[in-house]
Amino acid sequence: KDKILQLLAEKEMTVTELANTLGISKATVSHHIENLQKEGLVKVAREERVKNFIRKYYPLAIPNGNVSKVVIE
């Protein structure tokens, strides 16, 4: 989860982009994103329809983008 937060602090990304960057499955990333959303750390910024899929872009939902404080806690 920490690596996901660090990446999203730099720019919003999709689950696929995160999975490719981290070298882990999309299912694993989706699981972590779901938990981070429940914790209020990540949100859906926008959605794009690509063929029959909806691509969701996730940024941090942390005021001032203070990731280090959240990651430490």
PDB file of N, CA and C in Angstrom:
ATOM      1  N   LYS A   1       0.826  -1.202   0.000  1.00  0.00           N
ATOM      2  CA  LYS A   1       0.000   0.000   0.000  1.00  0.00           C
ATOM      3  C   LYS A   1       0.862   1.255   0.000  1.00  0.00           C
ATOM      4  N   ASP A   2       1.985   1.209   0.686  1.00  0.00           N
ATOM      5  CA  ASP A   2       2.844   2.387   0.754  1.00  0.00           C
ATOM      6  C   ASP A   2       3.343   2.802  -0.623  1.00  0.00           C
ATOM      7  N   LYS A   3       3.736   1.824  -1.441  1.00  0.00           N
ATOM      8  CA  LYS A   3       4.246   2.132  -2.777  1.00  0.00           C
ATOM      9  C   LYS A   3       3.146   2.731  -3.644  1.00  0.00           C
ATOM     10  N   ILE A   4       1.927   2.227  -3.488  1.00  0.00           N
ATOM     11  CA  ILE A   4       0.799   2.773  -4.242  1.00  0.00           C
ATOM     12  C   ILE A   4       0.589   4.231  -3.853  1.00  0.00           C
ATOM     13  N   LEU A   5       0.613   4.525  -2.571  1.00  0.00           N
ATOM     14  CA  LEU A   5       0.445   5.905  -2.109  1.00  0.00           C
ATOM     15  C   LEU A   5       1.548   6.807  -2.650  1.00  0.00           C
ATOM     16  N   GLN A   6       2.762   6.315  -2.656  1.00  0.00           N
ATOM     17  CA  GLN A   6       3.880   7.117  -3.165  1.00  0.00           C
ATOM     18  C   GLN A   6       3.711   7.420  -4.648  1.00  0.00           C
ATOM     19  N   LEU A   7       3.284   6.433  -5.428  1.00  0.00           N
ATOM     20  CA  LEU A   7       3.067   6.648  -6.856  1.00  0.00           C
ATOM     21  C   LEU A   7       1.926   7.629  -7.103  1.00  0.00           C
ATOM     22  N   LEU A   8       0.836   7.481  -6.340  1.00  0.00           N
ATOM     23  CA  LEU A   8      -0.312   8.360  -6.529  1.00  0.00           C
ATOM     24  C   LEU A   8      -0.035   9.769  -6.035  1.00  0.00           C
ATOM     25  N   ALA A   9       0.968   9.936  -5.192  1.00  0.00           N
ATOM     26  CA  ALA A   9       1.360  11.278  -4.754  1.00  0.00           C
ATOM     27  C   ALA A   9       1.996  12.042  -5.912  1.00  0.00           C
ATOM     28  N   GLU A  10       2.600  11.306  -6.839  1.00  0.00           N
ATOM     29  CA  GLU A  10       3.251  11.928  -7.984  1.00  0.00           C
ATOM     30  C   GLU A  10       2.258  12.282  -9.076  1.00  0.00           C
ATOM     31  N   LYS A  11       1.303  11.377  -9.341  1.00  0.00           N
ATOM     32  CA  LYS A  11       0.289  11.622 -10.377  1.00  0.00           C
ATOM     33  C   LYS A  11      -0.834  10.609 -10.232  1.00  0.00           C
ATOM     34  N   GLU A  12      -2.007  10.959 -10.771  1.00  0.00           N
ATOM     35  CA  GLU A  12      -3.107  10.002 -10.734  1.00  0.00           C
ATOM     36  C   GLU A  12      -2.810   8.887 -11.730  1.00  0.00           C
ATOM     37  N   MET A  13      -3.230   7.684 -11.366  1.00  0.00           N
ATOM     38  CA  MET A  13      -2.953   6.512 -12.190  1.00  0.00           C
ATOM     39  C   MET A  13      -4.139   5.563 -12.159  1.00  0.00           C
ATOM     40  N   THR A  14      -4.198   4.684 -13.156  1.00  0.00           N
ATOM     41  CA  THR A  14      -5.224   3.642 -13.188  1.00  0.00           C
ATOM     42  C   THR A  14      -4.673   2.391 -12.498  1.00  0.00           C
ATOM     43  N   VAL A  15      -5.571   1.451 -12.233  1.00  0.00           N
ATOM     44  CA  VAL A  15      -5.158   0.180 -11.634  1.00  0.00           C
ATOM     45  C   VAL A  15      -4.146  -0.519 -12.541  1.00  0.00           C
ATOM     46  N   THR A  16      -4.385  -0.504 -13.835  1.00  0.00           N
ATOM     47  CA  THR A  16      -3.475  -1.144 -14.789  1.00  0.00           C
ATOM     48  C   THR A  16      -2.099  -0.494 -14.758  1.00  0.00           C
ATOM     49  N   GLU A  17      -2.055   0.835 -14.738  1.00  0.00           N
ATOM     50  CA  GLU A  17      -0.768   1.534 -14.686  1.00  0.00           C
ATOM     51  C   GLU A  17      -0.010   1.193 -13.396  1.00  0.00           C
ATOM     52  N   LEU A  18      -0.735   1.172 -12.291  1.00  0.00           N
ATOM     53  CA  LEU A  18      -0.106   0.820 -11.013  1.00  0.00           C
ATOM     54  C   LEU A  18       0.429  -0.612 -11.038  1.00  0.00           C
ATOM     55  N   ALA A  19      -0.373  -1.541 -11.544  1.00  0.00           N
ATOM     56  CA  ALA A  19       0.034  -2.945 -11.603  1.00  0.00           C
ATOM     57  C   ALA A  19       1.288  -3.110 -12.459  1.00  0.00           C
ATOM     58  N   ASN A  20       1.318  -2.452 -13.616  1.00  0.00           N
ATOM     59  CA  ASN A  20       2.478  -2.556 -14.506  1.00  0.00           C
ATOM     60  C   ASN A  20       3.716  -1.934 -13.869  1.00  0.00           C
ATOM     61  N   THR A  21       3.565  -0.804 -13.226  1.00  0.00           N
ATOM     62  CA  THR A  21       4.699  -0.118 -12.594  1.00  0.00           C
ATOM     63  C   THR A  21       5.261  -0.933 -11.430  1.00  0.00           C
ATOM     64  N   LEU A  22       4.367  -1.530 -10.645  1.00  0.00           N
ATOM     65  CA  LEU A  22       4.786  -2.276  -9.460  1.00  0.00           C
ATOM     66  C   LEU A  22       5.114  -3.741  -9.742  1.00  0.00           C
ATOM     67  N   GLY A  23       4.719  -4.220 -10.908  1.00  0.00           N
ATOM     68  CA  GLY A  23       4.984  -5.617 -11.258  1.00  0.00           C
ATOM     69  C   GLY A  23       4.131  -6.598 -10.458  1.00  0.00           C
ATOM     70  N   ILE A  24       2.898  -6.184 -10.122  1.00  0.00           N
ATOM     71  CA  ILE A  24       1.978  -7.061  -9.401  1.00  0.00           C
ATOM     72  C   ILE A  24       0.659  -7.140 -10.176  1.00  0.00           C
ATOM     73  N   SER A  25      -0.215  -8.033  -9.776  1.00  0.00           N
ATOM     74  CA  SER A  25      -1.461  -8.239 -10.520  1.00  0.00           C
ATOM     75  C   SER A  25      -2.438  -7.088 -10.311  1.00  0.00           C
ATOM     76  N   LYS A  26      -3.318  -6.918 -11.308  1.00  0.00           N
ATOM     77  CA  LYS A  26      -4.358  -5.897 -11.197  1.00  0.00           C
ATOM     78  C   LYS A  26      -5.302  -6.221 -10.048  1.00  0.00           C
ATOM     79  N   ALA A  27      -5.526  -7.508  -9.790  1.00  0.00           N
ATOM     80  CA  ALA A  27      -6.409  -7.911  -8.690  1.00  0.00           C
ATOM     81  C   ALA A  27      -5.834  -7.447  -7.352  1.00  0.00           C
ATOM     82  N   THR A  28      -4.530  -7.588  -7.181  1.00  0.00           N
ATOM     83  CA  THR A  28      -3.880  -7.157  -5.943  1.00  0.00           C
ATOM     84  C   THR A  28      -3.974  -5.641  -5.788  1.00  0.00           C
ATOM     85  N   VAL A  29      -3.710  -4.921  -6.878  1.00  0.00           N
ATOM     86  CA  VAL A  29      -3.805  -3.456  -6.834  1.00  0.00           C
ATOM     87  C   VAL A  29      -5.240  -3.040  -6.520  1.00  0.00           C
ATOM     88  N   SER A  30      -6.206  -3.669  -7.166  1.00  0.00           N
ATOM     89  CA  SER A  30      -7.618  -3.332  -6.920  1.00  0.00           C
ATOM     90  C   SER A  30      -7.988  -3.538  -5.463  1.00  0.00           C
ATOM     91  N   HIS A  31      -7.503  -4.614  -4.885  1.00  0.00           N
ATOM     92  CA  HIS A  31      -7.764  -4.896  -3.467  1.00  0.00           C
ATOM     93  C   HIS A  31      -7.205  -3.772  -2.590  1.00  0.00           C
ATOM     94  N   HIS A  32      -5.976  -3.375  -2.847  1.00  0.00           N
ATOM     95  CA  HIS A  32      -5.363  -2.306  -2.058  1.00  0.00           C
ATOM     96  C   HIS A  32      -6.060  -0.965  -2.284  1.00  0.00           C
ATOM     97  N   ILE A  33      -6.428  -0.685  -3.528  1.00  0.00           N
ATOM     98  CA  ILE A  33      -7.128   0.570  -3.840  1.00  0.00           C
ATOM     99  C   ILE A  33      -8.460   0.625  -3.094  1.00  0.00           C
ATOM    100  N   GLU A  34      -9.168  -0.494  -3.078  1.00  0.00           N
ATOM    101  CA  GLU A  34     -10.448  -0.561  -2.374  1.00  0.00           C
ATOM    102  C   GLU A  34     -10.259  -0.239  -0.886  1.00  0.00           C
ATOM    103  N   ASN A  35      -9.235  -0.825  -0.282  1.00  0.00           N
ATOM    104  CA  ASN A  35      -8.955  -0.548   1.131  1.00  0.00           C
ATOM    105  C   ASN A  35      -8.546   0.908   1.348  1.00  0.00           C
ATOM    106  N   LEU A  36      -7.737   1.439   0.450  1.00  0.00           N
ATOM    107  CA  LEU A  36      -7.303   2.833   0.572  1.00  0.00           C
ATOM    108  C   LEU A  36      -8.481   3.793   0.414  1.00  0.00           C
ATOM    109  N   GLN A  37      -9.445   3.431  -0.430  1.00  0.00           N
ATOM    110  CA  GLN A  37     -10.654   4.245  -0.580  1.00  0.00           C
ATOM    111  C   GLN A  37     -11.464   4.231   0.714  1.00  0.00           C
ATOM    112  N   LYS A  38     -11.611   3.060   1.315  1.00  0.00           N
ATOM    113  CA  LYS A  38     -12.353   2.943   2.573  1.00  0.00           C
ATOM    114  C   LYS A  38     -11.702   3.774   3.675  1.00  0.00           C
ATOM    115  N   GLU A  39     -10.361   3.856   3.632  1.00  0.00           N
ATOM    116  CA  GLU A  39      -9.628   4.633   4.627  1.00  0.00           C
ATOM    117  C   GLU A  39      -9.634   6.126   4.301  1.00  0.00           C
ATOM    118  N   GLY A  40     -10.157   6.485   3.131  1.00  0.00           N
ATOM    119  CA  GLY A  40     -10.232   7.887   2.741  1.00  0.00           C
ATOM    120  C   GLY A  40      -8.932   8.450   2.201  1.00  0.00           C
ATOM    121  N   LEU A  41      -8.008   7.584   1.796  1.00  0.00           N
ATOM    122  CA  LEU A  41      -6.705   8.046   1.317  1.00  0.00           C
ATOM    123  C   LEU A  41      -6.650   8.198  -0.202  1.00  0.00           C
ATOM    124  N   VAL A  42      -7.553   7.518  -0.903  1.00  0.00           N
ATOM    125  CA  VAL A  42      -7.580   7.526  -2.361  1.00  0.00           C
ATOM    126  C   VAL A  42      -9.019   7.746  -2.798  1.00  0.00           C
ATOM    127  N   LYS A  43      -9.182   8.411  -3.946  1.00  0.00           N
ATOM    128  CA  LYS A  43     -10.526   8.625  -4.493  1.00  0.00           C
ATOM    129  C   LYS A  43     -10.486   8.435  -6.000  1.00  0.00           C
ATOM    130  N   VAL A  44     -11.639   8.378  -6.616  1.00  0.00           N
ATOM    131  CA  VAL A  44     -11.716   8.317  -8.075  1.00  0.00           C
ATOM    132  C   VAL A  44     -11.807   9.753  -8.564  1.00  0.00           C
ATOM    133  N   ALA A  45     -10.840  10.169  -9.375  1.00  0.00           N
ATOM    134  CA  ALA A  45     -10.828  11.544  -9.881  1.00  0.00           C
ATOM    135  C   ALA A  45     -11.697  11.668 -11.124  1.00  0.00           C
ATOM    136  N   ARG A  46     -11.583  10.685 -12.000  1.00  0.00           N
ATOM    137  CA  ARG A  46     -12.349  10.729 -13.249  1.00  0.00           C
ATOM    138  C   ARG A  46     -12.447   9.340 -13.829  1.00  0.00           C
ATOM    139  N   GLU A  47     -13.394   9.187 -14.728  1.00  0.00           N
ATOM    140  CA  GLU A  47     -13.600   7.906 -15.399  1.00  0.00           C
ATOM    141  C   GLU A  47     -13.666   8.153 -16.893  1.00  0.00           C
ATOM    142  N   GLU A  48     -13.074   7.257 -17.660  1.00  0.00           N
ATOM    143  CA  GLU A  48     -13.132   7.320 -19.118  1.00  0.00           C
ATOM    144  C   GLU A  48     -13.666   5.997 -19.640  1.00  0.00           C
ATOM    145  N   ARG A  49     -14.549   6.078 -20.611  1.00  0.00           N
ATOM    146  CA  ARG A  49     -15.034   4.853 -21.233  1.00  0.00           C
ATOM    147  C   ARG A  49     -14.118   4.530 -22.412  1.00  0.00           C
ATOM    148  N   VAL A  50     -13.531   3.336 -22.384  1.00  0.00           N
ATOM    149  CA  VAL A  50     -12.663   2.870 -23.456  1.00  0.00           C
ATOM    150  C   VAL A  50     -13.251   1.555 -23.950  1.00  0.00           C
ATOM    151  N   LYS A  51     -13.851   1.602 -25.121  1.00  0.00           N
ATOM    152  CA  LYS A  51     -14.590   0.464 -25.670  1.00  0.00           C
ATOM    153  C   LYS A  51     -15.649   0.044 -24.651  1.00  0.00           C
ATOM    154  N   ASN A  52     -15.572  -1.175 -24.126  1.00  0.00           N
ATOM    155  CA  ASN A  52     -16.574  -1.636 -23.161  1.00  0.00           C
ATOM    156  C   ASN A  52     -16.095  -1.548 -21.719  1.00  0.00           C
ATOM    157  N   PHE A  53     -14.986  -0.865 -21.507  1.00  0.00           N
ATOM    158  CA  PHE A  53     -14.415  -0.776 -20.163  1.00  0.00           C
ATOM    159  C   PHE A  53     -14.476   0.652 -19.649  1.00  0.00           C
ATOM    160  N   ILE A  54     -14.520   0.772 -18.348  1.00  0.00           N
ATOM    161  CA  ILE A  54     -14.434   2.087 -17.726  1.00  0.00           C
ATOM    162  C   ILE A  54     -13.083   2.164 -17.034  1.00  0.00           C
ATOM    163  N   ARG A  55     -12.285   3.131 -17.434  1.00  0.00           N
ATOM    164  CA  ARG A  55     -10.956   3.325 -16.858  1.00  0.00           C
ATOM    165  C   ARG A  55     -11.074   4.394 -15.777  1.00  0.00           C
ATOM    166  N   LYS A  56     -10.718   4.033 -14.552  1.00  0.00           N
ATOM    167  CA  LYS A  56     -10.803   4.965 -13.428  1.00  0.00           C
ATOM    168  C   LYS A  56      -9.409   5.465 -13.071  1.00  0.00           C
ATOM    169  N   TYR A  57      -9.304   6.769 -12.854  1.00  0.00           N
ATOM    170  CA  TYR A  57      -8.034   7.377 -12.466  1.00  0.00           C
ATOM    171  C   TYR A  57      -8.089   7.739 -10.991  1.00  0.00           C
ATOM    172  N   TYR A  58      -7.078   7.298 -10.259  1.00  0.00           N
ATOM    173  CA  TYR A  58      -7.028   7.493  -8.815  1.00  0.00           C
ATOM    174  C   TYR A  58      -5.906   8.454  -8.422  1.00  0.00           C
ATOM    175  N   PRO A  59      -6.249   9.534  -7.717  1.00  0.00           N
ATOM    176  CA  PRO A  59      -5.233  10.369  -7.077  1.00  0.00           C
ATOM    177  C   PRO A  59      -5.329  10.158  -5.565  1.00  0.00           C
ATOM    178  N   LEU A  60      -4.437  10.768  -4.843  1.00  0.00           N
ATOM    179  CA  LEU A  60      -4.556  10.756  -3.379  1.00  0.00           C
ATOM    180  C   LEU A  60      -5.723  11.637  -2.972  1.00  0.00           C
ATOM    181  N   ALA A  61      -6.314  11.318  -1.858  1.00  0.00           N
ATOM    182  CA  ALA A  61      -7.397  12.140  -1.313  1.00  0.00           C
ATOM    183  C   ALA A  61      -6.925  12.799  -0.022  1.00  0.00           C
ATOM    184  N   ILE A  62      -5.631  13.060   0.059  1.00  0.00           N
ATOM    185  CA  ILE A  62      -5.034  13.614   1.275  1.00  0.00           C
ATOM    186  C   ILE A  62      -4.849  15.112   1.089  1.00  0.00           C
ATOM    187  N   PRO A  63      -5.347  15.910   2.013  1.00  0.00           N
ATOM    188  CA  PRO A  63      -5.138  17.356   1.905  1.00  0.00           C
ATOM    189  C   PRO A  63      -3.644  17.676   1.858  1.00  0.00           C
ATOM    190  N   ASN A  64      -3.257  18.565   0.977  1.00  0.00           N
ATOM    191  CA  ASN A  64      -1.870  19.017   0.820  1.00  0.00           C
ATOM    192  C   ASN A  64      -0.936  17.907   0.352  1.00  0.00           C
ATOM    193  N   GLY A  65      -1.469  16.742   0.027  1.00  0.00           N
ATOM    194  CA  GLY A  65      -0.640  15.657  -0.477  1.00  0.00           C
ATOM    195  C   GLY A  65       0.467  15.224   0.486  1.00  0.00           C
ATOM    196  N   ASN A  66       0.227  15.331   1.785  1.00  0.00           N
ATOM    197  CA  ASN A  66       1.246  15.004   2.776  1.00  0.00           C
ATOM    198  C   ASN A  66       1.316  13.492   2.978  1.00  0.00           C
ATOM    199  N   VAL A  67       1.942  12.807   2.034  1.00  0.00           N
ATOM    200  CA  VAL A  67       1.996  11.358   2.032  1.00  0.00           C
ATOM    201  C   VAL A  67       2.861  10.833   3.178  1.00  0.00           C
ATOM    202  N   SER A  68       3.982  11.474   3.399  1.00  0.00           N
ATOM    203  CA  SER A  68       4.915  10.953   4.400  1.00  0.00           C
ATOM    204  C   SER A  68       4.264  10.834   5.761  1.00  0.00           C
ATOM    205  N   LYS A  69       3.446  11.792   6.112  1.00  0.00           N
ATOM    206  CA  LYS A  69       2.763  11.731   7.425  1.00  0.00           C
ATOM    207  C   LYS A  69       1.812  10.538   7.474  1.00  0.00           C
ATOM    208  N   VAL A  70       1.054  10.309   6.405  1.00  0.00           N
ATOM    209  CA  VAL A  70       0.088   9.220   6.369  1.00  0.00           C
ATOM    210  C   VAL A  70       0.807   7.869   6.358  1.00  0.00           C
ATOM    211  N   VAL A  71       1.857   7.757   5.567  1.00  0.00           N
ATOM    212  CA  VAL A  71       2.584   6.490   5.454  1.00  0.00           C
ATOM    213  C   VAL A  71       3.213   6.127   6.806  1.00  0.00           C
ATOM    214  N   ILE A  72       3.736   7.123   7.494  1.00  0.00           N
ATOM    215  CA  ILE A  72       4.349   6.866   8.804  1.00  0.00           C
ATOM    216  C   ILE A  72       3.301   6.411   9.805  1.00  0.00           C
ATOM    217  N   GLU A  73       2.134   7.020   9.778  1.00  0.00           N
ATOM    218  CA  GLU A  73       1.064   6.657  10.696  1.00  0.00           C
ATOM    219  C   GLU A  73       0.548   5.288  10.351  1.00  0.00           C
TER     220      GLU A  73
END
